[in-house]
């Protein structure tokens, strides 16, 4: 597989510097500390790291208001990485499930919690938790809090701080840059990634040709970025 020289490379959106994933946390934290402050308009925020559970080359750092709801975080993840067919989703935090549409198991008596919970109520600093989108062809994410700040509010309370750069994938046939992956292989199957010309020859059904996008949901269900 041909990718970028560093498949874990990304960009800091605060200073627009190229950074490796391993240094992103320290770099972003340093940028957050030196940014202009507006204490009269400040709100409490969390610095979160999000990555694909099984595809950790997809990662991002975000800042979100502690008064935001889990629904707001879920909406951001859907918009940025996940939404394709309005599937259900949930967070699992400390063994408790917070669902997009909470259910009640009448046999066990266990109830799922609502995503109406605010972040400061359920995600203290240092928390590691999970997100699932689509209970059929599931995309699993791991999230963790790495810092808390006082900051000027971002639009809708969420701000992208850093993100992985798009992966460079080679066509499995000719070696040219691939732009299409065949659906039905549960993600980025490198042996089924093709340039447009080779995809025409190798993937008979047009509906099975999915764009290679910068998301851990690449090639899954109807996700097109």
C-alpha atoms as a PDB file:
ATOM      1  CA  UNK A   1       0.000   0.000   0.000  1.00  0.00           C
ATOM      2  CA  UNK A   2       1.300   3.447  -0.880  1.00  0.00           C
ATOM      3  CA  UNK A   3       0.312   6.131   1.568  1.00  0.00           C
ATOM      4  CA  UNK A   4       1.694   9.442   2.695  1.00  0.00           C
ATOM      5  CA  UNK A   5       5.310   9.223   3.928  1.00  0.00           C
ATOM      6  CA  UNK A   6       3.856   9.261   7.432  1.00  0.00           C
ATOM      7  CA  UNK A   7       0.384   7.621   7.443  1.00  0.00           C
ATOM      8  CA  UNK A   8      -0.277   9.095  10.881  1.00  0.00           C
ATOM      9  CA  UNK A   9       0.504  12.672   9.794  1.00  0.00           C
ATOM     10  CA  UNK A  10      -2.005  15.464  10.186  1.00  0.00           C
ATOM     11  CA  UNK A  11      -2.471  19.212  10.438  1.00  0.00           C
ATOM     12  CA  UNK A  12      -2.956  21.548  13.383  1.00  0.00           C
ATOM     13  CA  UNK A  13      -5.892  23.802  12.489  1.00  0.00           C
ATOM     14  CA  UNK A  14      -4.732  26.457  14.966  1.00  0.00           C
ATOM     15  CA  UNK A  15      -1.345  27.192  13.400  1.00  0.00           C
ATOM     16  CA  UNK A  16      -1.670  25.169  10.156  1.00  0.00           C
ATOM     17  CA  UNK A  17       1.482  23.179  10.857  1.00  0.00           C
ATOM     18  CA  UNK A  18       1.971  19.576   9.710  1.00  0.00           C
ATOM     19  CA  UNK A  19       2.240  17.302  12.763  1.00  0.00           C
ATOM     20  CA  UNK A  20       2.597  13.542  13.397  1.00  0.00           C
ATOM     21  CA  UNK A  21      -0.153  11.895  15.399  1.00  0.00           C
ATOM     22  CA  UNK A  22       2.202  11.001  18.246  1.00  0.00           C
ATOM     23  CA  UNK A  23       2.997  14.684  18.850  1.00  0.00           C
ATOM     24  CA  UNK A  24      -0.443  16.112  18.125  1.00  0.00           C
ATOM     25  CA  UNK A  25      -1.643  16.203  21.735  1.00  0.00           C
ATOM     26  CA  UNK A  26       1.339  18.182  23.016  1.00  0.00           C
ATOM     27  CA  UNK A  27       1.374  20.432  19.961  1.00  0.00           C
ATOM     28  CA  UNK A  28      -2.334  21.291  20.127  1.00  0.00           C
ATOM     29  CA  UNK A  29      -2.163  21.865  23.895  1.00  0.00           C
ATOM     30  CA  UNK A  30       0.691  24.319  23.370  1.00  0.00           C
ATOM     31  CA  UNK A  31      -1.251  26.148  20.660  1.00  0.00           C
ATOM     32  CA  UNK A  32      -4.324  26.365  22.888  1.00  0.00           C
ATOM     33  CA  UNK A  33      -2.313  27.950  25.683  1.00  0.00           C
ATOM     34  CA  UNK A  34      -0.916  30.754  23.505  1.00  0.00           C
ATOM     35  CA  UNK A  35      -4.037  31.640  21.527  1.00  0.00           C
ATOM     36  CA  UNK A  36      -5.623  35.043  22.191  1.00  0.00           C
ATOM     37  CA  UNK A  37      -7.955  34.877  25.179  1.00  0.00           C
ATOM     38  CA  UNK A  38     -11.321  36.554  25.634  1.00  0.00           C
ATOM     39  CA  UNK A  39     -12.040  36.007  29.316  1.00  0.00           C
ATOM     40  CA  UNK A  40     -15.124  38.220  29.292  1.00  0.00           C
ATOM     41  CA  UNK A  41     -16.706  35.839  26.788  1.00  0.00           C
ATOM     42  CA  UNK A  42     -14.975  32.664  27.935  1.00  0.00           C
ATOM     43  CA  UNK A  43     -16.677  29.318  28.410  1.00  0.00           C
ATOM     44  CA  UNK A  44     -15.368  26.066  29.844  1.00  0.00           C
ATOM     45  CA  UNK A  45     -14.265  23.617  27.167  1.00  0.00           C
ATOM     46  CA  UNK A  46     -12.833  20.111  26.866  1.00  0.00           C
ATOM     47  CA  UNK A  47     -10.038  19.047  24.530  1.00  0.00           C
ATOM     48  CA  UNK A  48     -11.015  15.625  23.139  1.00  0.00           C
ATOM     49  CA  UNK A  49      -9.072  13.170  21.003  1.00  0.00           C
ATOM     50  CA  UNK A  50     -11.139  10.957  18.693  1.00  0.00           C
ATOM     51  CA  UNK A  51      -9.869   8.054  16.593  1.00  0.00           C
ATOM     52  CA  UNK A  52     -11.092   4.983  14.784  1.00  0.00           C
ATOM     53  CA  UNK A  53     -11.007   2.042  17.187  1.00  0.00           C
ATOM     54  CA  UNK A  54      -9.831  -0.356  14.469  1.00  0.00           C
ATOM     55  CA  UNK A  55      -8.463   2.283  12.068  1.00  0.00           C
ATOM     56  CA  UNK A  56      -6.353   4.565  14.296  1.00  0.00           C
ATOM     57  CA  UNK A  57      -4.826   6.305  11.283  1.00  0.00           C
ATOM     58  CA  UNK A  58      -8.052   8.329  11.272  1.00  0.00           C
ATOM     59  CA  UNK A  59      -7.906  10.767  14.179  1.00  0.00           C
ATOM     60  CA  UNK A  60      -8.835  14.275  15.209  1.00  0.00           C
ATOM     61  CA  UNK A  61      -8.591  16.668  18.121  1.00  0.00           C
ATOM     62  CA  UNK A  62     -11.608  18.801  18.918  1.00  0.00           C
ATOM     63  CA  UNK A  63     -12.652  21.383  21.473  1.00  0.00           C
ATOM     64  CA  UNK A  64     -16.209  21.334  22.783  1.00  0.00           C
ATOM     65  CA  UNK A  65     -18.047  23.298  25.430  1.00  0.00           C
ATOM     66  CA  UNK A  66     -18.521  21.373  28.670  1.00  0.00           C
ATOM     67  CA  UNK A  67     -22.133  22.619  28.712  1.00  0.00           C
ATOM     68  CA  UNK A  68     -22.779  20.959  25.334  1.00  0.00           C
ATOM     69  CA  UNK A  69     -24.861  17.791  25.294  1.00  0.00           C
ATOM     70  CA  UNK A  70     -23.793  14.346  24.150  1.00  0.00           C
ATOM     71  CA  UNK A  71     -26.264  14.972  21.304  1.00  0.00           C
ATOM     72  CA  UNK A  72     -24.056  17.875  20.165  1.00  0.00           C
ATOM     73  CA  UNK A  73     -20.947  15.703  20.162  1.00  0.00           C
ATOM     74  CA  UNK A  74     -22.805  12.932  18.345  1.00  0.00           C
ATOM     75  CA  UNK A  75     -24.040  15.418  15.737  1.00  0.00           C
ATOM     76  CA  UNK A  76     -20.490  16.660  15.154  1.00  0.00           C
ATOM     77  CA  UNK A  77     -19.150  13.119  14.729  1.00  0.00           C
ATOM     78  CA  UNK A  78     -21.958  12.308  12.305  1.00  0.00           C
ATOM     79  CA  UNK A  79     -21.398  15.450  10.246  1.00  0.00           C
ATOM     80  CA  UNK A  80     -17.604  15.116  10.160  1.00  0.00           C
ATOM     81  CA  UNK A  81     -17.070  11.354   9.827  1.00  0.00           C
ATOM     82  CA  UNK A  82     -20.141   9.143   9.914  1.00  0.00           C
ATOM     83  CA  UNK A  83     -23.568  10.112   8.620  1.00  0.00           C
ATOM     84  CA  UNK A  84     -24.847   8.098   5.701  1.00  0.00           C
ATOM     85  CA  UNK A  85     -28.327   6.662   6.297  1.00  0.00           C
ATOM     86  CA  UNK A  86     -29.410   8.170   9.637  1.00  0.00           C
ATOM     87  CA  UNK A  87     -28.443   5.084  11.623  1.00  0.00           C
ATOM     88  CA  UNK A  88     -28.710   4.852  15.401  1.00  0.00           C
ATOM     89  CA  UNK A  89     -25.705   5.614  17.594  1.00  0.00           C
ATOM     90  CA  UNK A  90     -24.611   5.566  21.212  1.00  0.00           C
ATOM     91  CA  UNK A  91     -21.837   6.486  23.614  1.00  0.00           C
ATOM     92  CA  UNK A  92     -20.591   4.091  26.290  1.00  0.00           C
ATOM     93  CA  UNK A  93     -19.158   5.956  29.282  1.00  0.00           C
ATOM     94  CA  UNK A  94     -18.137   4.193  32.469  1.00  0.00           C
ATOM     95  CA  UNK A  95     -20.203   1.154  31.540  1.00  0.00           C
ATOM     96  CA  UNK A  96     -23.344   3.271  30.972  1.00  0.00           C
ATOM     97  CA  UNK A  97     -24.873   3.547  27.505  1.00  0.00           C
ATOM     98  CA  UNK A  98     -26.195   6.904  26.254  1.00  0.00           C
ATOM     99  CA  UNK A  99     -28.219   6.280  23.116  1.00  0.00           C
ATOM    100  CA  UNK A 100     -29.581   8.338  20.243  1.00  0.00           C
ATOM    101  CA  UNK A 101     -32.900   6.589  20.847  1.00  0.00           C
ATOM    102  CA  UNK A 102     -32.748   5.097  24.360  1.00  0.00           C
ATOM    103  CA  UNK A 103     -34.354   1.690  24.857  1.00  0.00           C
ATOM    104  CA  UNK A 104     -35.503  -0.307  27.865  1.00  0.00           C
ATOM    105  CA  UNK A 105     -34.694  -4.002  28.200  1.00  0.00           C
ATOM    106  CA  UNK A 106     -37.759  -5.371  30.007  1.00  0.00           C
ATOM    107  CA  UNK A 107     -36.035  -8.669  30.803  1.00  0.00           C
ATOM    108  CA  UNK A 108     -33.003  -7.206  32.553  1.00  0.00           C
ATOM    109  CA  UNK A 109     -34.652  -3.969  33.610  1.00  0.00           C
ATOM    110  CA  UNK A 110     -31.699  -2.072  32.171  1.00  0.00           C
ATOM    111  CA  UNK A 111     -32.439   1.324  30.655  1.00  0.00           C
ATOM    112  CA  UNK A 112     -30.242   3.221  28.247  1.00  0.00           C
ATOM    113  CA  UNK A 113     -29.597   6.862  29.081  1.00  0.00           C
ATOM    114  CA  UNK A 114     -30.402   9.826  26.871  1.00  0.00           C
ATOM    115  CA  UNK A 115     -27.858  11.891  24.960  1.00  0.00           C
ATOM    116  CA  UNK A 116     -29.460  14.937  26.592  1.00  0.00           C
ATOM    117  CA  UNK A 117     -26.796  14.609  29.305  1.00  0.00           C
ATOM    118  CA  UNK A 118     -24.313  17.472  29.338  1.00  0.00           C
ATOM    119  CA  UNK A 119     -20.620  16.746  29.002  1.00  0.00           C
ATOM    120  CA  UNK A 120     -19.637  18.170  32.373  1.00  0.00           C
ATOM    121  CA  UNK A 121     -22.103  15.753  33.987  1.00  0.00           C
ATOM    122  CA  UNK A 122     -20.698  12.564  32.427  1.00  0.00           C
ATOM    123  CA  UNK A 123     -17.225  13.226  31.007  1.00  0.00           C
ATOM    124  CA  UNK A 124     -14.745  14.517  33.590  1.00  0.00           C
ATOM    125  CA  UNK A 125     -11.134  15.183  32.521  1.00  0.00           C
ATOM    126  CA  UNK A 126      -9.208  11.974  31.894  1.00  0.00           C
ATOM    127  CA  UNK A 127     -12.227   9.976  30.742  1.00  0.00           C
ATOM    128  CA  UNK A 128     -11.880   7.363  27.987  1.00  0.00           C
ATOM    129  CA  UNK A 129     -15.140   6.397  26.311  1.00  0.00           C
ATOM    130  CA  UNK A 130     -16.582   4.904  23.130  1.00  0.00           C
ATOM    131  CA  UNK A 131     -18.956   5.847  20.326  1.00  0.00           C
ATOM    132  CA  UNK A 132     -20.790   3.491  17.979  1.00  0.00           C
ATOM    133  CA  UNK A 133     -22.557   4.541  14.797  1.00  0.00           C
ATOM    134  CA  UNK A 134     -24.830   2.055  12.978  1.00  0.00           C
ATOM    135  CA  UNK A 135     -25.578  -1.106  14.931  1.00  0.00           C
ATOM    136  CA  UNK A 136     -25.391  -3.201  11.733  1.00  0.00           C
ATOM    137  CA  UNK A 137     -22.233  -2.100   9.904  1.00  0.00           C
ATOM    138  CA  UNK A 138     -20.793  -0.412  12.947  1.00  0.00           C
ATOM    139  CA  UNK A 139     -18.116   2.280  12.931  1.00  0.00           C
ATOM    140  CA  UNK A 140     -16.422   2.258  16.346  1.00  0.00           C
ATOM    141  CA  UNK A 141     -14.638   5.296  17.745  1.00  0.00           C
ATOM    142  CA  UNK A 142     -12.553   5.787  20.882  1.00  0.00           C
ATOM    143  CA  UNK A 143     -12.581   9.192  22.574  1.00  0.00           C
ATOM    144  CA  UNK A 144     -10.642  10.582  25.500  1.00  0.00           C
ATOM    145  CA  UNK A 145     -10.381  13.920  27.268  1.00  0.00           C
ATOM    146  CA  UNK A 146      -6.879  15.347  27.426  1.00  0.00           C
ATOM    147  CA  UNK A 147      -7.429  18.861  28.745  1.00  0.00           C
ATOM    148  CA  UNK A 148      -9.855  21.514  29.978  1.00  0.00           C
ATOM    149  CA  UNK A 149      -9.702  25.199  29.101  1.00  0.00           C
ATOM    150  CA  UNK A 150     -11.431  28.555  29.268  1.00  0.00           C
ATOM    151  CA  UNK A 151     -12.024  29.712  25.711  1.00  0.00           C
ATOM    152  CA  UNK A 152     -14.031  31.943  23.443  1.00  0.00           C
ATOM    153  CA  UNK A 153     -17.062  29.964  22.207  1.00  0.00           C
ATOM    154  CA  UNK A 154     -16.779  28.231  18.852  1.00  0.00           C
ATOM    155  CA  UNK A 155     -19.633  27.959  16.391  1.00  0.00           C
ATOM    156  CA  UNK A 156     -22.182  25.528  17.857  1.00  0.00           C
ATOM    157  CA  UNK A 157     -19.783  24.914  20.730  1.00  0.00           C
ATOM    158  CA  UNK A 158     -17.443  22.586  18.759  1.00  0.00           C
ATOM    159  CA  UNK A 159     -14.121  23.452  17.121  1.00  0.00           C
ATOM    160  CA  UNK A 160     -11.792  21.247  15.069  1.00  0.00           C
ATOM    161  CA  UNK A 161      -8.244  21.571  16.422  1.00  0.00           C
ATOM    162  CA  UNK A 162      -6.310  19.013  14.371  1.00  0.00           C
ATOM    163  CA  UNK A 163      -7.016  16.141  12.018  1.00  0.00           C
ATOM    164  CA  UNK A 164      -5.192  13.413  10.127  1.00  0.00           C
ATOM    165  CA  UNK A 165      -4.229  14.160   6.550  1.00  0.00           C
ATOM    166  CA  UNK A 166      -5.990  12.136   3.831  1.00  0.00           C
ATOM    167  CA  UNK A 167      -4.266   8.820   3.241  1.00  0.00           C
ATOM    168  CA  UNK A 168      -2.572   8.249  -0.091  1.00  0.00           C
ATOM    169  CA  UNK A 169      -3.747   4.865  -1.390  1.00  0.00           C
ATOM    170  CA  UNK A 170      -2.482   3.145  -4.552  1.00  0.00           C
ATOM    171  CA  UNK A 171      -4.671   1.417  -7.117  1.00  0.00           C
ATOM    172  CA  UNK A 172      -4.430  -2.347  -6.577  1.00  0.00           C
ATOM    173  CA  UNK A 173      -4.071  -2.858 -10.352  1.00  0.00           C
ATOM    174  CA  UNK A 174      -1.946  -0.085 -11.839  1.00  0.00           C
ATOM    175  CA  UNK A 175      -0.390   1.605  -8.821  1.00  0.00           C
ATOM    176  CA  UNK A 176      -1.769   5.041  -9.654  1.00  0.00           C
ATOM    177  CA  UNK A 177      -3.579   7.020  -6.924  1.00  0.00           C
ATOM    178  CA  UNK A 178      -6.800   5.249  -5.973  1.00  0.00           C
ATOM    179  CA  UNK A 179     -10.038   7.179  -5.576  1.00  0.00           C
ATOM    180  CA  UNK A 180     -12.583   4.340  -5.382  1.00  0.00           C
ATOM    181  CA  UNK A 181     -13.027   1.423  -2.994  1.00  0.00           C
ATOM    182  CA  UNK A 182     -15.414  -1.463  -3.561  1.00  0.00           C
ATOM    183  CA  UNK A 183     -18.194  -1.539  -0.990  1.00  0.00           C
ATOM    184  CA  UNK A 184     -19.051  -4.689   0.932  1.00  0.00           C
ATOM    185  CA  UNK A 185     -15.590  -5.319   2.398  1.00  0.00           C
ATOM    186  CA  UNK A 186     -16.182  -3.584   5.740  1.00  0.00           C
ATOM    187  CA  UNK A 187     -14.003  -0.591   5.062  1.00  0.00           C
ATOM    188  CA  UNK A 188     -10.749   0.177   3.317  1.00  0.00           C
ATOM    189  CA  UNK A 189      -9.761  -3.153   1.740  1.00  0.00           C
ATOM    190  CA  UNK A 190      -6.489  -2.238   0.029  1.00  0.00           C
ATOM    191  CA  UNK A 191      -6.881  -5.019  -2.522  1.00  0.00           C
ATOM    192  CA  UNK A 192     -10.172  -3.497  -3.672  1.00  0.00           C
ATOM    193  CA  UNK A 193      -9.024   0.110  -4.061  1.00  0.00           C
ATOM    194  CA  UNK A 194      -8.787   1.382  -7.638  1.00  0.00           C
ATOM    195  CA  UNK A 195      -8.295   4.409  -9.818  1.00  0.00           C
ATOM    196  CA  UNK A 196     -11.369   5.389 -11.850  1.00  0.00           C
ATOM    197  CA  UNK A 197     -10.247   3.521 -14.988  1.00  0.00           C
ATOM    198  CA  UNK A 198      -9.440   0.283 -13.188  1.00  0.00           C
ATOM    199  CA  UNK A 199     -12.620   0.503 -11.118  1.00  0.00           C
ATOM    200  CA  UNK A 200     -14.647   0.402 -14.322  1.00  0.00           C
ATOM    201  CA  UNK A 201     -13.016  -2.908 -15.188  1.00  0.00           C
ATOM    202  CA  UNK A 202     -12.909  -4.458 -11.724  1.00  0.00           C
ATOM    203  CA  UNK A 203     -16.215  -3.423 -10.107  1.00  0.00           C
ATOM    204  CA  UNK A 204     -19.176  -4.438 -12.235  1.00  0.00           C
ATOM    205  CA  UNK A 205     -21.959  -2.773 -10.244  1.00  0.00           C
ATOM    206  CA  UNK A 206     -21.721   1.000 -10.170  1.00  0.00           C
ATOM    207  CA  UNK A 207     -23.534   1.126  -6.829  1.00  0.00           C
ATOM    208  CA  UNK A 208     -20.630  -0.799  -5.269  1.00  0.00           C
ATOM    209  CA  UNK A 209     -18.125   1.935  -6.167  1.00  0.00           C
ATOM    210  CA  UNK A 210     -17.535   4.103  -3.107  1.00  0.00           C
ATOM    211  CA  UNK A 211     -15.261   7.156  -2.889  1.00  0.00           C
ATOM    212  CA  UNK A 212     -12.123   6.913  -0.774  1.00  0.00           C
ATOM    213  CA  UNK A 213     -12.718   9.573   1.847  1.00  0.00           C
ATOM    214  CA  UNK A 214     -10.918  10.773   4.958  1.00  0.00           C
ATOM    215  CA  UNK A 215     -13.038   8.896   7.497  1.00  0.00           C
ATOM    216  CA  UNK A 216     -12.993   5.605   9.432  1.00  0.00           C
ATOM    217  CA  UNK A 217     -16.333   4.869   7.750  1.00  0.00           C
ATOM    218  CA  UNK A 218     -14.733   4.767   4.295  1.00  0.00           C
ATOM    219  CA  UNK A 219     -16.281   2.063   2.131  1.00  0.00           C
ATOM    220  CA  UNK A 220     -19.026   1.190   4.630  1.00  0.00           C
ATOM    221  CA  UNK A 221     -22.755   1.255   3.907  1.00  0.00           C
ATOM    222  CA  UNK A 222     -23.657   4.341   1.847  1.00  0.00           C
ATOM    223  CA  UNK A 223     -21.040   6.693   3.294  1.00  0.00           C
ATOM    224  CA  UNK A 224     -19.626   9.082   0.700  1.00  0.00           C
ATOM    225  CA  UNK A 225     -17.965  11.712   2.843  1.00  0.00           C
END
